[in-house]
Protein backbone atom coordinates (compact mmCIF):
# COMPACT_ATOMS: atom_id res chain seq x y z
CA VAL A 1 68.53 118.40 87.48
CA ASP A 2 69.45 121.19 84.87
CA LEU A 3 67.62 119.78 81.88
CA THR A 4 69.09 122.81 79.75
CA LEU A 5 72.81 121.63 80.61
CA GLU A 6 71.91 118.09 79.73
CA THR A 7 70.17 119.23 76.52
CA ASN A 8 73.25 121.36 75.63
CA ASN A 9 75.60 118.72 76.23
CA SER A 10 73.64 116.12 74.12
CA GLU A 11 73.65 118.51 71.33
CA SER A 12 77.41 119.22 71.76
CA GLN A 13 77.82 115.34 71.60
CA ILE A 14 75.79 115.00 68.54
CA LYS A 15 77.54 117.85 66.81
CA ASP A 16 81.04 116.42 67.84
CA SER A 17 79.81 113.01 66.43
CA ASP A 18 78.61 114.48 63.25
CA THR A 19 82.09 116.32 62.73
CA PHE A 20 83.74 112.85 63.62
CA VAL A 21 81.65 111.15 61.10
CA LYS A 22 82.25 113.69 58.38
CA GLU A 23 85.90 113.79 58.98
CA GLU A 24 86.02 109.86 59.04
CA ASN A 25 84.18 109.70 55.73
CA LYS A 26 86.11 111.66 53.57
CA MET A 27 87.78 108.78 51.83
CA ARG A 28 84.30 107.19 51.40
CA ALA A 29 82.83 110.29 50.04
CA GLN A 30 85.76 110.37 47.34
CA ILE A 31 85.16 106.79 46.66
CA ALA A 32 81.29 107.54 46.21
CA ARG A 33 82.13 110.42 43.69
CA VAL A 34 84.40 108.25 41.47
CA THR A 35 82.35 105.37 41.18
CA GLN A 36 79.12 107.34 40.73
CA ARG A 37 80.65 109.24 37.97
CA SER A 38 82.06 106.22 36.43
CA LYS A 39 78.80 104.34 36.46
CA GLN A 40 76.89 107.45 34.99
CA GLU A 41 79.31 108.22 32.29
CA VAL A 42 81.02 105.31 31.36
CA PRO A 43 79.06 102.62 29.24
CA HIS A 44 80.59 99.42 31.03
CA TYR A 45 80.46 96.05 29.28
CA TYR A 46 81.25 92.85 31.31
CA LEU A 47 82.87 89.59 30.25
CA SER A 48 83.85 86.56 32.65
CA THR A 49 85.87 83.38 32.38
CA ASP A 50 87.08 80.44 34.57
CA ILE A 51 90.66 80.12 34.62
CA ASN A 52 92.37 76.84 35.68
CA MET A 53 95.15 77.66 38.18
CA ASP A 54 96.66 74.22 38.49
CA LYS A 55 99.88 75.05 36.67
CA ALA A 56 100.17 78.51 38.05
CA LEU A 57 99.98 77.06 41.60
CA GLU A 58 102.64 74.49 40.88
CA ILE A 59 105.11 76.96 39.22
CA ARG A 60 104.47 79.47 42.06
CA ALA A 61 105.57 76.69 44.33
CA GLN A 62 108.71 76.20 42.58
CA ILE A 63 109.63 79.85 42.38
CA ASN A 64 108.82 80.31 46.12
CA SER A 65 111.17 77.35 46.91
CA LYS A 66 113.98 78.84 45.07
CA LEU A 67 113.38 82.34 46.64
CA ALA A 68 112.87 81.18 49.99
CA GLU A 69 116.58 82.25 51.00
CA GLN A 70 115.94 85.85 49.69
CA ASN A 71 112.83 86.04 51.93
CA ILE A 72 110.67 86.63 48.78
CA LYS A 73 107.38 84.98 48.46
CA ILE A 74 105.37 85.22 45.12
CA SER A 75 101.73 85.56 45.29
CA ILE A 76 98.78 84.43 43.09
CA ASN A 77 98.10 88.19 42.76
CA ASP A 78 101.74 88.66 41.56
CA LEU A 79 101.13 86.23 38.82
CA ILE A 80 97.83 87.94 37.83
CA ILE A 81 99.68 91.35 37.75
CA LYS A 82 102.47 89.74 35.23
CA ALA A 83 99.88 87.96 33.17
CA VAL A 84 97.98 91.37 32.65
CA ILE A 85 101.08 93.44 31.98
CA ASP A 86 102.19 90.87 29.27
CA THR A 87 98.60 90.86 27.98
CA LEU A 88 98.46 94.63 27.76
CA LYS A 89 101.54 94.91 25.74
CA LYS A 90 99.92 92.73 23.09
CA PHE A 91 96.72 94.65 23.43
CA PRO A 92 97.52 98.16 24.32
CA VAL A 93 94.12 99.81 23.79
CA PHE A 94 93.22 98.30 27.23
CA ASN A 95 96.13 100.45 28.73
CA SER A 96 94.52 103.66 27.20
CA ARG A 97 92.47 106.54 28.78
CA TYR A 98 89.24 108.20 27.65
CA GLU A 99 89.44 111.96 27.74
CA ASN A 100 87.28 114.56 26.23
CA GLY A 101 85.91 112.24 23.44
CA ILE A 102 89.44 110.98 22.67
CA THR A 103 91.14 107.60 23.31
CA ASN A 104 94.98 108.47 24.31
CA MET A 105 97.48 105.61 24.60
CA ASN A 106 99.65 105.22 27.68
CA GLU A 107 103.29 104.33 27.14
CA GLU A 108 103.80 103.41 30.54
CA ILE A 109 102.01 100.36 32.05
CA ASN A 110 100.76 101.44 35.66
CA VAL A 111 99.02 98.71 37.23
CA SER A 112 96.62 100.01 40.02
CA ILE A 113 95.83 97.38 42.69
CA ALA A 114 92.87 97.44 45.08
CA ILE A 115 94.00 97.79 48.70
CA ALA A 116 91.34 97.70 51.48
CA LEU A 117 91.85 100.14 54.25
CA GLU A 118 89.77 100.82 57.32
CA ASP A 119 88.24 103.98 55.86
CA GLY A 120 87.80 102.50 52.22
CA LEU A 121 89.32 101.03 49.14
CA ILE A 122 92.23 102.77 47.65
CA MET A 123 93.77 102.00 44.09
CA PRO A 124 97.52 102.87 44.17
CA SER A 125 99.80 101.88 41.13
CA ILE A 126 102.92 99.96 40.57
CA ILE A 127 104.54 102.63 38.28
CA ASN A 128 106.09 101.83 34.92
CA CYS A 129 106.08 98.02 35.44
CA ASN A 130 106.16 97.17 31.66
CA ASP A 131 109.56 95.24 31.77
CA MET A 132 109.31 94.00 35.58
CA ASP A 133 109.91 90.25 36.01
CA ILE A 134 107.82 88.34 38.53
CA LYS A 135 110.22 88.69 41.36
CA GLN A 136 110.39 92.42 40.81
CA LEU A 137 106.57 92.70 40.63
CA SER A 138 106.37 90.57 43.95
CA ILE A 139 108.74 93.19 45.59
CA ALA A 140 107.16 96.18 44.15
CA SER A 141 103.67 95.12 44.99
CA LYS A 142 104.48 94.42 48.71
CA ASP A 143 106.24 97.65 48.89
CA LEU A 144 103.18 99.54 47.43
CA VAL A 145 100.97 97.62 50.21
CA ASP A 146 103.24 98.60 52.89
CA ARG A 147 103.38 102.36 52.02
CA THR A 148 99.87 102.56 51.36
CA LYS A 149 99.00 101.56 54.80
CA ASN A 150 101.68 103.94 56.22
CA GLY A 151 100.45 106.86 53.97
CA LYS A 152 103.66 107.16 52.09
CA LEU A 153 102.41 107.08 48.57
CA THR A 154 103.77 109.44 45.97
CA SER A 155 101.11 111.36 43.86
CA ALA A 156 102.01 109.42 40.54
CA GLU A 157 101.03 106.18 42.46
CA TYR A 158 97.86 107.81 43.53
CA THR A 159 96.80 109.31 40.31
CA LYS A 160 98.73 107.65 37.22
CA GLY A 161 97.10 104.19 36.94
CA THR A 162 96.44 102.99 33.41
CA PHE A 163 94.75 99.56 34.26
CA SER A 164 93.34 98.02 37.43
CA ILE A 165 93.24 94.90 39.34
CA SER A 166 90.74 94.11 42.19
CA ASN A 167 91.23 90.91 43.89
CA LEU A 168 88.81 89.67 46.46
CA GLY A 169 89.80 86.30 46.64
CA MET A 170 91.28 86.59 50.11
CA PHE A 171 87.61 87.65 51.24
CA ASP A 172 86.31 84.13 49.95
CA VAL A 173 84.65 86.07 47.02
CA ASN A 174 83.81 83.60 43.90
CA SER A 175 83.18 86.28 41.49
CA PHE A 176 82.10 89.93 41.18
CA LEU A 177 82.00 92.79 38.51
CA ALA A 178 84.14 95.84 39.06
CA ILE A 179 83.53 99.59 38.44
CA ILE A 180 86.03 101.14 36.04
CA LEU A 181 88.34 103.84 37.48
CA PRO A 182 88.09 106.78 35.12
CA PRO A 183 89.82 107.74 32.85
CA GLN A 184 91.07 104.00 32.74
CA THR A 185 89.50 101.88 29.95
CA ALA A 186 89.14 98.66 32.02
CA MET A 187 89.54 96.72 35.19
CA LEU A 188 90.03 93.10 36.03
CA ALA A 189 88.11 91.57 38.89
CA VAL A 190 89.49 88.01 40.25
CA GLY A 191 87.68 86.06 42.85
CA SER A 192 88.94 82.99 45.03
CA VAL A 193 90.85 79.88 43.73
CA LYS A 194 88.46 76.98 44.51
CA LYS A 195 88.87 73.18 44.15
CA ILE A 196 86.30 72.35 41.62
CA PRO A 197 85.30 69.07 39.79
CA ILE A 198 85.72 69.73 35.88
CA VAL A 199 85.33 67.47 33.03
CA THR A 200 88.71 66.88 30.99
CA ALA A 201 89.15 66.85 27.27
CA GLU A 202 89.11 62.87 27.41
CA ASP A 203 85.70 63.15 29.37
CA ASP A 204 87.34 62.26 32.67
CA ILE A 205 86.38 64.13 36.13
CA LYS A 206 89.08 65.77 37.57
CA VAL A 207 89.45 68.08 40.49
CA SER A 208 91.14 71.48 39.66
CA ASN A 209 91.93 74.80 41.05
CA ILE A 210 89.75 77.18 39.41
CA MET A 211 89.51 81.06 39.58
CA ASN A 212 86.80 83.33 38.14
CA ALA A 213 87.98 86.53 36.31
CA SER A 214 85.73 89.16 35.07
CA LEU A 215 86.73 92.04 32.75
CA SER A 216 84.95 95.57 33.13
CA ALA A 217 85.55 97.66 29.95
CA ASP A 218 84.58 100.92 28.32
CA HIS A 219 82.32 100.44 25.27
CA ARG A 220 83.60 103.78 23.92
CA VAL A 221 87.01 102.44 23.64
CA THR A 222 86.66 98.69 22.92
CA ASP A 223 83.94 96.22 22.08
CA GLY A 224 82.91 92.83 23.34
CA ALA A 225 84.75 90.85 20.76
CA GLU A 226 88.17 92.66 21.59
CA GLY A 227 87.51 92.28 25.19
CA ALA A 228 86.98 88.45 24.87
CA ILE A 229 90.20 88.10 23.11
CA PHE A 230 91.98 90.33 25.58
CA LEU A 231 90.47 88.13 28.62
CA ALA A 232 91.37 84.94 26.86
CA GLU A 233 94.96 85.95 26.74
CA ILE A 234 95.16 86.55 30.38
CA LYS A 235 93.53 83.21 30.74
CA ASN A 236 96.25 81.67 28.43
CA ASN A 237 99.04 83.25 30.29
CA LEU A 238 97.83 81.94 33.70
CA GLU A 239 96.98 78.55 32.34
CA ASN A 240 100.56 78.38 30.74
CA PRO A 241 102.63 80.19 33.37
CA VAL A 242 105.90 79.32 31.79
CA ASN A 243 105.09 82.38 29.58
CA LEU A 244 105.42 84.66 32.74
CA ILE A 245 109.11 83.65 33.67
CA ILE A 246 110.73 83.50 30.47
């Protein structure tokens, strides 16, 4: 047996394997750089709340029934995006970017949504969604997911996000805290909608559909009180979803 040949072949395989790993992990390396920079430079604060999604699920079912012939299906995430957009219009400081010690306000609302690919998580944006209705948002978000998976995003969709939403509900995650995507000011993290017994205002016990939402925000731009008001408005929009369609 030629041990030299075996050794050389083994070394070649290791080198080839190393090259393969390095190439496959380019996205992971970029994610590591961005998240490390965010955690080192951005003073995060976190706020969480539980949102009753009973009415949101009811109105979603009604909308989907009417849109069935158009082959359009509104998702829970579409409702969340719409609730966030309407809240950002009311509290535009959360739609800002922090650069070189200055807070700059963004005129456009470009909502980044977390999309999981095999190589890692990517946060492309729905560009200029300020005035989109729930139907337009549903179409735009599904198109964004399709083009992300097919590698057909524009540079603006990669880089121009102004606020991010990360939804891990489909992975049966109840709650989590997200890392802000610089230079954005904030990110919303949402978990699964779960049937949970709650105590009503009349002290009755009722089973409702509850979703946890957590806000991560930059303390250089906003404070906890502002964040609490912002998160409460998102909660109000989702618990009174008629606000999202009129």
